[in-house]
Amino acid sequence: MAHATAQLISDRSHQCDATATYSHDGARAYVLCDGIGSSAEVRAWTITAARRVARAAARSGEAEAGLRAVYNSYAGEPERSDPYADLPNACAAVAVTAPGRPLTIAWCGDVRAYILSPGGALQCLTADHNLRRVFSRSRNIVTSYLGASESDDQRKARYGHAAIESVTGAVEACRLLLASDGAYEPLEDSARNLADYLTGDPKQAATDFAAAIEHASSHADNATVLVADLPAAGSRE
């Protein structure tokens, strides 16, 4: 399955977005993690986290099971129960294709997953975990992320959504877009149609998307997109 990525570091000191893919027994996982902060430590942790999620999701053949396994592993680290600990965290989204199954997507944070139909209709399948969604406040403060120690019930009590949410996507052939907030926000803020930058092969689409971000604004955040062409469920072998 063809895929490609593109990144912009923007004004940050480090590129702390990371992507990963992994295949296992016909299942394939696509992951984008958006590290919170900008440092060498956050960058290294986020790269490792993206790889862990991709492996877990592909091996389970289902997005939520894979993301939840890694979320729970990080949450179980004793130091993360210390409210004063300053440890790396990241927003994450994962999409999984598996033989004979529909696309599954899971996320924590504000990394988004979109699907583009063969007819050109773009649909966002995720709902941001941030204060804009919960209290109509800042979109820049996320309400769930990889590296948190709170359970689903604790997140629901505080923010009205689970720590991890999931959705079932298309069974037909489609194009997948995973995008960090630094990628989709500049285009949305300038009233651009994201689908306009998803034509051509995945490499061309990812390159065009990144170029559009640069032209849209002087946004300071890291920006990353992953574009993948997914076959229909019946042909996912």
C-alpha atoms as a PDB file:
ATOM      1  CA  MET A   1       0.000   0.000   0.000  1.00  0.00           C
ATOM      2  CA  ALA A   2       1.598   3.241  -1.161  1.00  0.00           C
ATOM      3  CA  HIS A   3       2.158   5.962   1.412  1.00  0.00           C
ATOM      4  CA  ALA A   4       4.279   9.064   1.908  1.00  0.00           C
ATOM      5  CA  THR A   5       4.964  11.680   4.569  1.00  0.00           C
ATOM      6  CA  ALA A   6       6.012  15.323   4.636  1.00  0.00           C
ATOM      7  CA  GLN A   7       7.128  17.501   7.534  1.00  0.00           C
ATOM      8  CA  LEU A   8       7.857  21.129   8.368  1.00  0.00           C
ATOM      9  CA  ILE A   9       9.782  22.114  11.482  1.00  0.00           C
ATOM     10  CA  SER A  10       8.508  25.729  11.317  1.00  0.00           C
ATOM     11  CA  ASP A  11       9.858  27.916  14.150  1.00  0.00           C
ATOM     12  CA  ARG A  12      10.416  25.084  16.620  1.00  0.00           C
ATOM     13  CA  SER A  13      13.882  24.063  17.796  1.00  0.00           C
ATOM     14  CA  HIS A  14      13.167  20.373  17.165  1.00  0.00           C
ATOM     15  CA  GLN A  15      10.883  18.320  14.920  1.00  0.00           C
ATOM     16  CA  CYS A  16       8.827  16.481  17.532  1.00  0.00           C
ATOM     17  CA  ASP A  17       6.211  14.987  15.209  1.00  0.00           C
ATOM     18  CA  ALA A  18       6.872  11.380  14.212  1.00  0.00           C
ATOM     19  CA  THR A  19       5.285   8.842  11.887  1.00  0.00           C
ATOM     20  CA  ALA A  20       5.575   5.072  11.757  1.00  0.00           C
ATOM     21  CA  THR A  21       4.153   2.151   9.800  1.00  0.00           C
ATOM     22  CA  TYR A  22       4.220  -1.551  10.566  1.00  0.00           C
ATOM     23  CA  SER A  23       2.822  -4.694   8.931  1.00  0.00           C
ATOM     24  CA  HIS A  24       1.935  -8.024  10.521  1.00  0.00           C
ATOM     25  CA  ASP A  25       0.011 -10.990   9.070  1.00  0.00           C
ATOM     26  CA  GLY A  26      -1.614  -8.810   6.411  1.00  0.00           C
ATOM     27  CA  ALA A  27      -2.549  -6.003   8.816  1.00  0.00           C
ATOM     28  CA  ARG A  28      -0.877  -2.615   8.380  1.00  0.00           C
ATOM     29  CA  ALA A  29      -0.775   0.256  10.850  1.00  0.00           C
ATOM     30  CA  TYR A  30      -0.155   3.931  10.098  1.00  0.00           C
ATOM     31  CA  VAL A  31       0.703   6.217  13.019  1.00  0.00           C
ATOM     32  CA  LEU A  32       1.288   9.916  13.558  1.00  0.00           C
ATOM     33  CA  CYS A  33       2.415  11.214  16.951  1.00  0.00           C
ATOM     34  CA  ASP A  34       2.662  14.914  17.789  1.00  0.00           C
ATOM     35  CA  GLY A  35       5.112  15.406  20.641  1.00  0.00           C
ATOM     36  CA  ILE A  36       4.143  18.002  23.227  1.00  0.00           C
ATOM     37  CA  GLY A  37       6.958  20.514  23.587  1.00  0.00           C
ATOM     38  CA  SER A  38      10.193  20.955  21.667  1.00  0.00           C
ATOM     39  CA  SER A  39      13.363  19.269  22.878  1.00  0.00           C
ATOM     40  CA  ALA A  40      15.684  16.424  21.986  1.00  0.00           C
ATOM     41  CA  GLU A  41      14.100  14.339  24.747  1.00  0.00           C
ATOM     42  CA  VAL A  42      10.571  14.867  23.415  1.00  0.00           C
ATOM     43  CA  ARG A  43      11.710  14.138  19.861  1.00  0.00           C
ATOM     44  CA  ALA A  44      13.379  10.838  20.807  1.00  0.00           C
ATOM     45  CA  TRP A  45      10.464   9.732  22.995  1.00  0.00           C
ATOM     46  CA  THR A  46       7.886  10.531  20.317  1.00  0.00           C
ATOM     47  CA  ILE A  47       9.760   8.575  17.645  1.00  0.00           C
ATOM     48  CA  THR A  48       9.851   5.548  19.950  1.00  0.00           C
ATOM     49  CA  ALA A  49       6.181   5.974  20.901  1.00  0.00           C
ATOM     50  CA  ALA A  50       5.074   6.094  17.261  1.00  0.00           C
ATOM     51  CA  ARG A  51       6.957   2.866  16.524  1.00  0.00           C
ATOM     52  CA  ARG A  52       5.487   1.159  19.594  1.00  0.00           C
ATOM     53  CA  VAL A  53       1.943   2.097  18.611  1.00  0.00           C
ATOM     54  CA  ALA A  54       2.460   0.939  15.024  1.00  0.00           C
ATOM     55  CA  ARG A  55       3.768  -2.461  16.121  1.00  0.00           C
ATOM     56  CA  ALA A  56       1.050  -2.996  18.730  1.00  0.00           C
ATOM     57  CA  ALA A  57      -1.750  -1.942  16.382  1.00  0.00           C
ATOM     58  CA  ALA A  58      -0.591  -4.081  13.462  1.00  0.00           C
ATOM     59  CA  ARG A  59      -0.086  -7.118  15.666  1.00  0.00           C
ATOM     60  CA  SER A  60      -3.559  -6.755  17.179  1.00  0.00           C
ATOM     61  CA  GLY A  61      -5.097  -6.015  13.759  1.00  0.00           C
ATOM     62  CA  GLU A  62      -7.182  -3.218  15.289  1.00  0.00           C
ATOM     63  CA  ALA A  63      -6.401   0.429  15.989  1.00  0.00           C
ATOM     64  CA  GLU A  64      -7.921   0.904  19.440  1.00  0.00           C
ATOM     65  CA  ALA A  65      -6.441  -2.271  20.925  1.00  0.00           C
ATOM     66  CA  GLY A  66      -2.987  -1.270  19.763  1.00  0.00           C
ATOM     67  CA  LEU A  67      -3.153   2.331  20.938  1.00  0.00           C
ATOM     68  CA  ARG A  68      -4.703   1.329  24.255  1.00  0.00           C
ATOM     69  CA  ALA A  69      -1.958  -1.220  24.944  1.00  0.00           C
ATOM     70  CA  VAL A  70       0.734   1.432  24.553  1.00  0.00           C
ATOM     71  CA  TYR A  71      -1.303   4.076  26.417  1.00  0.00           C
ATOM     72  CA  ASN A  72      -1.719   1.694  29.359  1.00  0.00           C
ATOM     73  CA  SER A  73       1.957   0.768  29.296  1.00  0.00           C
ATOM     74  CA  TYR A  74       3.027   4.397  29.610  1.00  0.00           C
ATOM     75  CA  ALA A  75       0.299   5.112  32.170  1.00  0.00           C
ATOM     76  CA  GLY A  76       1.636   2.278  34.311  1.00  0.00           C
ATOM     77  CA  GLU A  77       5.089   3.832  34.644  1.00  0.00           C
ATOM     78  CA  PRO A  78       5.371   4.773  38.356  1.00  0.00           C
ATOM     79  CA  GLU A  79       6.924   8.177  37.677  1.00  0.00           C
ATOM     80  CA  ARG A  80       3.894   9.248  35.642  1.00  0.00           C
ATOM     81  CA  SER A  81       1.707   9.207  38.741  1.00  0.00           C
ATOM     82  CA  ASP A  82       3.794  12.086  40.134  1.00  0.00           C
ATOM     83  CA  PRO A  83       1.912  15.326  39.294  1.00  0.00           C
ATOM     84  CA  TYR A  84       5.198  17.250  39.326  1.00  0.00           C
ATOM     85  CA  ALA A  85       7.064  14.942  36.962  1.00  0.00           C
ATOM     86  CA  ASP A  86       8.030  16.561  33.647  1.00  0.00           C
ATOM     87  CA  LEU A  87       7.938  13.623  31.249  1.00  0.00           C
ATOM     88  CA  PRO A  88       7.468  13.512  27.467  1.00  0.00           C
ATOM     89  CA  ASN A  89       3.939  13.167  26.075  1.00  0.00           C
ATOM     90  CA  ALA A  90       2.381  13.110  22.618  1.00  0.00           C
ATOM     91  CA  CYS A  91      -0.951  13.256  20.862  1.00  0.00           C
ATOM     92  CA  ALA A  92      -1.455  10.217  18.652  1.00  0.00           C
ATOM     93  CA  ALA A  93      -3.646   8.767  15.924  1.00  0.00           C
ATOM     94  CA  VAL A  94      -3.409   5.313  14.375  1.00  0.00           C
ATOM     95  CA  ALA A  95      -5.199   3.750  11.413  1.00  0.00           C
ATOM     96  CA  VAL A  96      -5.192   0.006  10.735  1.00  0.00           C
ATOM     97  CA  THR A  97      -6.163  -1.997   7.676  1.00  0.00           C
ATOM     98  CA  ALA A  98      -6.553  -5.765   7.977  1.00  0.00           C
ATOM     99  CA  PRO A  99      -7.703  -8.492   5.570  1.00  0.00           C
ATOM    100  CA  GLY A 100     -11.468  -8.593   5.226  1.00  0.00           C
ATOM    101  CA  ARG A 101     -12.031  -5.832   7.784  1.00  0.00           C
ATOM    102  CA  PRO A 102     -13.016  -2.177   7.539  1.00  0.00           C
ATOM    103  CA  LEU A 103     -10.497   0.525   8.354  1.00  0.00           C
ATOM    104  CA  THR A 104     -10.197   1.198  12.108  1.00  0.00           C
ATOM    105  CA  ILE A 105      -8.924   4.435  13.626  1.00  0.00           C
ATOM    106  CA  ALA A 106      -8.112   5.387  17.220  1.00  0.00           C
ATOM    107  CA  TRP A 107      -6.724   8.557  18.758  1.00  0.00           C
ATOM    108  CA  CYS A 108      -5.843  10.491  21.885  1.00  0.00           C
ATOM    109  CA  GLY A 109      -5.271  14.208  21.443  1.00  0.00           C
ATOM    110  CA  ASP A 110      -5.764  16.394  18.381  1.00  0.00           C
ATOM    111  CA  VAL A 111      -3.978  14.525  15.595  1.00  0.00           C
ATOM    112  CA  ARG A 112      -6.653  14.032  12.942  1.00  0.00           C
ATOM    113  CA  ALA A 113      -7.518  11.221  10.546  1.00  0.00           C
ATOM    114  CA  TYR A 114      -9.356  11.932   7.285  1.00  0.00           C
ATOM    115  CA  ILE A 115     -10.449   9.737   4.416  1.00  0.00           C
ATOM    116  CA  LEU A 116     -10.778  10.945   0.836  1.00  0.00           C
ATOM    117  CA  SER A 117     -13.259   8.983  -1.267  1.00  0.00           C
ATOM    118  CA  PRO A 118     -12.561   8.174  -4.928  1.00  0.00           C
ATOM    119  CA  GLY A 119     -15.162  10.825  -5.730  1.00  0.00           C
ATOM    120  CA  GLY A 120     -13.139  13.501  -3.938  1.00  0.00           C
ATOM    121  CA  ALA A 121     -15.182  13.872  -0.720  1.00  0.00           C
ATOM    122  CA  LEU A 122     -12.993  14.433   2.345  1.00  0.00           C
ATOM    123  CA  GLN A 123     -14.294  13.316   5.748  1.00  0.00           C
ATOM    124  CA  CYS A 124     -12.675  13.870   9.130  1.00  0.00           C
ATOM    125  CA  LEU A 125     -13.185  10.748  11.250  1.00  0.00           C
ATOM    126  CA  THR A 126     -11.732  12.041  14.515  1.00  0.00           C
ATOM    127  CA  ALA A 127     -12.952  14.585  17.079  1.00  0.00           C
ATOM    128  CA  ASP A 128     -10.211  16.665  18.707  1.00  0.00           C
ATOM    129  CA  HIS A 129      -9.372  16.081  22.344  1.00  0.00           C
ATOM    130  CA  ASN A 130      -8.884  19.712  23.353  1.00  0.00           C
ATOM    131  CA  LEU A 131     -10.563  22.470  25.347  1.00  0.00           C
ATOM    132  CA  ARG A 132     -12.228  23.900  22.252  1.00  0.00           C
ATOM    133  CA  ARG A 133     -14.268  20.713  21.929  1.00  0.00           C
ATOM    134  CA  VAL A 134     -15.062  20.437  25.630  1.00  0.00           C
ATOM    135  CA  PHE A 135     -15.549  23.984  26.883  1.00  0.00           C
ATOM    136  CA  SER A 136     -15.356  26.114  23.703  1.00  0.00           C
ATOM    137  CA  ARG A 137     -11.992  27.387  24.907  1.00  0.00           C
ATOM    138  CA  SER A 138      -8.418  27.100  23.606  1.00  0.00           C
ATOM    139  CA  ARG A 139      -7.741  24.555  20.899  1.00  0.00           C
ATOM    140  CA  ASN A 140      -4.101  24.564  22.003  1.00  0.00           C
ATOM    141  CA  ILE A 141      -4.711  22.739  25.284  1.00  0.00           C
ATOM    142  CA  VAL A 142      -5.286  19.023  24.717  1.00  0.00           C
ATOM    143  CA  THR A 143      -7.460  16.918  26.982  1.00  0.00           C
ATOM    144  CA  SER A 144      -5.940  13.498  26.270  1.00  0.00           C
ATOM    145  CA  TYR A 145      -2.523  12.315  25.151  1.00  0.00           C
ATOM    146  CA  LEU A 146      -0.144   9.388  25.102  1.00  0.00           C
ATOM    147  CA  GLY A 147       1.821   9.453  28.342  1.00  0.00           C
ATOM    148  CA  ALA A 148      -1.117  10.442  30.546  1.00  0.00           C
ATOM    149  CA  SER A 149      -2.004   8.245  33.512  1.00  0.00           C
ATOM    150  CA  GLU A 150      -5.773   8.876  33.640  1.00  0.00           C
ATOM    151  CA  SER A 151      -8.287   6.143  32.832  1.00  0.00           C
ATOM    152  CA  ASP A 152     -11.228   6.453  30.449  1.00  0.00           C
ATOM    153  CA  ASP A 153     -13.579   7.041  33.379  1.00  0.00           C
ATOM    154  CA  GLN A 154     -11.375   9.775  34.804  1.00  0.00           C
ATOM    155  CA  ARG A 155     -11.167  11.553  31.445  1.00  0.00           C
ATOM    156  CA  LYS A 156     -14.922  11.226  30.925  1.00  0.00           C
ATOM    157  CA  ALA A 157     -15.635  12.688  34.350  1.00  0.00           C
ATOM    158  CA  ARG A 158     -13.390  15.675  33.663  1.00  0.00           C
ATOM    159  CA  TYR A 159     -13.843  16.275  29.943  1.00  0.00           C
ATOM    160  CA  GLY A 160     -16.788  14.204  28.740  1.00  0.00           C
ATOM    161  CA  HIS A 161     -14.770  11.953  26.438  1.00  0.00           C
ATOM    162  CA  ALA A 162     -12.704   8.813  26.926  1.00  0.00           C
ATOM    163  CA  ALA A 163      -8.920   8.881  27.055  1.00  0.00           C
ATOM    164  CA  ILE A 164      -8.950   6.998  23.745  1.00  0.00           C
ATOM    165  CA  GLU A 165     -11.717   7.145  21.160  1.00  0.00           C
ATOM    166  CA  SER A 166     -12.098   5.015  18.054  1.00  0.00           C
ATOM    167  CA  VAL A 167     -14.140   4.778  14.891  1.00  0.00           C
ATOM    168  CA  THR A 168     -14.651   2.361  12.016  1.00  0.00           C
ATOM    169  CA  GLY A 169     -13.906   3.813   8.598  1.00  0.00           C
ATOM    170  CA  ALA A 170     -14.361   2.865   4.991  1.00  0.00           C
ATOM    171  CA  VAL A 171     -14.537  -0.608   3.498  1.00  0.00           C
ATOM    172  CA  GLU A 172     -14.053   0.746  -0.013  1.00  0.00           C
ATOM    173  CA  ALA A 173     -10.784   1.963  -1.476  1.00  0.00           C
ATOM    174  CA  CYS A 174      -9.875   5.407  -0.153  1.00  0.00           C
ATOM    175  CA  ARG A 175      -7.008   7.761   0.601  1.00  0.00           C
ATOM    176  CA  LEU A 176      -6.006   8.176   4.240  1.00  0.00           C
ATOM    177  CA  LEU A 177      -4.677  11.446   5.622  1.00  0.00           C
ATOM    178  CA  LEU A 178      -3.171  11.694   9.105  1.00  0.00           C
ATOM    179  CA  ALA A 179      -2.328  15.277  10.060  1.00  0.00           C
ATOM    180  CA  SER A 180      -0.926  17.008  13.122  1.00  0.00           C
ATOM    181  CA  ASP A 181      -2.593  20.225  14.264  1.00  0.00           C
ATOM    182  CA  GLY A 182       0.304  22.193  12.825  1.00  0.00           C
ATOM    183  CA  ALA A 183      -0.651  20.821   9.409  1.00  0.00           C
ATOM    184  CA  TYR A 184      -4.427  21.219   9.280  1.00  0.00           C
ATOM    185  CA  GLU A 185      -4.919  24.374  11.360  1.00  0.00           C
ATOM    186  CA  PRO A 186      -3.121  26.828   9.022  1.00  0.00           C
ATOM    187  CA  LEU A 187      -5.185  25.625   6.069  1.00  0.00           C
ATOM    188  CA  GLU A 188      -8.467  25.686   7.970  1.00  0.00           C
ATOM    189  CA  ASP A 189      -7.684  29.129   9.401  1.00  0.00           C
ATOM    190  CA  SER A 190      -7.189  30.478   5.879  1.00  0.00           C
ATOM    191  CA  ALA A 191     -10.441  28.824   4.682  1.00  0.00           C
ATOM    192  CA  ARG A 192      -8.708  26.392   2.352  1.00  0.00           C
ATOM    193  CA  ASN A 193     -10.117  23.053   1.247  1.00  0.00           C
ATOM    194  CA  LEU A 194      -7.753  20.313   2.417  1.00  0.00           C
ATOM    195  CA  ALA A 195      -8.917  18.000  -0.369  1.00  0.00           C
ATOM    196  CA  ASP A 196      -7.405  20.369  -2.950  1.00  0.00           C
ATOM    197  CA  TYR A 197      -3.924  19.288  -1.821  1.00  0.00           C
ATOM    198  CA  LEU A 198      -4.510  15.532  -1.897  1.00  0.00           C
ATOM    199  CA  THR A 199      -4.307  14.869  -5.641  1.00  0.00           C
ATOM    200  CA  GLY A 200      -1.674  12.846  -7.484  1.00  0.00           C
ATOM    201  CA  ASP A 201       0.216   9.967  -5.924  1.00  0.00           C
ATOM    202  CA  PRO A 202       0.809   9.955  -2.122  1.00  0.00           C
ATOM    203  CA  LYS A 203       4.266  11.529  -2.435  1.00  0.00           C
ATOM    204  CA  GLN A 204       2.929  14.374  -4.566  1.00  0.00           C
ATOM    205  CA  ALA A 205      -0.037  14.870  -2.244  1.00  0.00           C
ATOM    206  CA  ALA A 206       2.127  15.015   0.878  1.00  0.00           C
ATOM    207  CA  THR A 207       4.527  17.456  -0.807  1.00  0.00           C
ATOM    208  CA  ASP A 208       1.688  19.686  -2.033  1.00  0.00           C
ATOM    209  CA  PHE A 209       0.058  19.670   1.400  1.00  0.00           C
ATOM    210  CA  ALA A 210       3.294  20.804   3.057  1.00  0.00           C
ATOM    211  CA  ALA A 211       3.790  23.539   0.457  1.00  0.00           C
ATOM    212  CA  ALA A 212       0.256  24.793   1.063  1.00  0.00           C
ATOM    213  CA  ILE A 213       0.945  25.055   4.809  1.00  0.00           C
ATOM    214  CA  GLU A 214       3.999  27.219   4.152  1.00  0.00           C
ATOM    215  CA  HIS A 215       1.968  29.532   1.942  1.00  0.00           C
ATOM    216  CA  ALA A 216      -1.031  29.679   4.271  1.00  0.00           C
ATOM    217  CA  SER A 217       0.664  31.364   7.227  1.00  0.00           C
ATOM    218  CA  SER A 218       3.815  31.769   9.287  1.00  0.00           C
ATOM    219  CA  HIS A 219       2.512  29.151  11.720  1.00  0.00           C
ATOM    220  CA  ALA A 220       5.128  28.277  14.335  1.00  0.00           C
ATOM    221  CA  ASP A 221       4.204  24.668  15.069  1.00  0.00           C
ATOM    222  CA  ASN A 222       5.677  21.466  13.678  1.00  0.00           C
ATOM    223  CA  ALA A 223       3.564  20.158  10.811  1.00  0.00           C
ATOM    224  CA  THR A 224       3.356  16.575   9.578  1.00  0.00           C
ATOM    225  CA  VAL A 225       1.118  14.687   7.175  1.00  0.00           C
ATOM    226  CA  LEU A 226       0.972  11.031   6.245  1.00  0.00           C
ATOM    227  CA  VAL A 227      -0.899  10.122   3.052  1.00  0.00           C
ATOM    228  CA  ALA A 228      -1.711   6.505   2.181  1.00  0.00           C
ATOM    229  CA  ASP A 229      -3.775   4.854  -0.531  1.00  0.00           C
ATOM    230  CA  LEU A 230      -5.818   2.035   0.983  1.00  0.00           C
ATOM    231  CA  PRO A 231      -7.460  -0.739  -1.049  1.00  0.00           C
ATOM    232  CA  ALA A 232     -10.986  -1.994  -0.480  1.00  0.00           C
ATOM    233  CA  ALA A 233     -11.431  -4.294   2.528  1.00  0.00           C
ATOM    234  CA  GLY A 234     -11.890  -7.369   0.352  1.00  0.00           C
ATOM    235  CA  SER A 235      -8.491  -6.903  -1.267  1.00  0.00           C
ATOM    236  CA  ARG A 236      -6.486  -6.185   1.894  1.00  0.00           C
ATOM    237  CA  GLU A 237      -4.284  -9.217   1.829  1.00  0.00           C
END
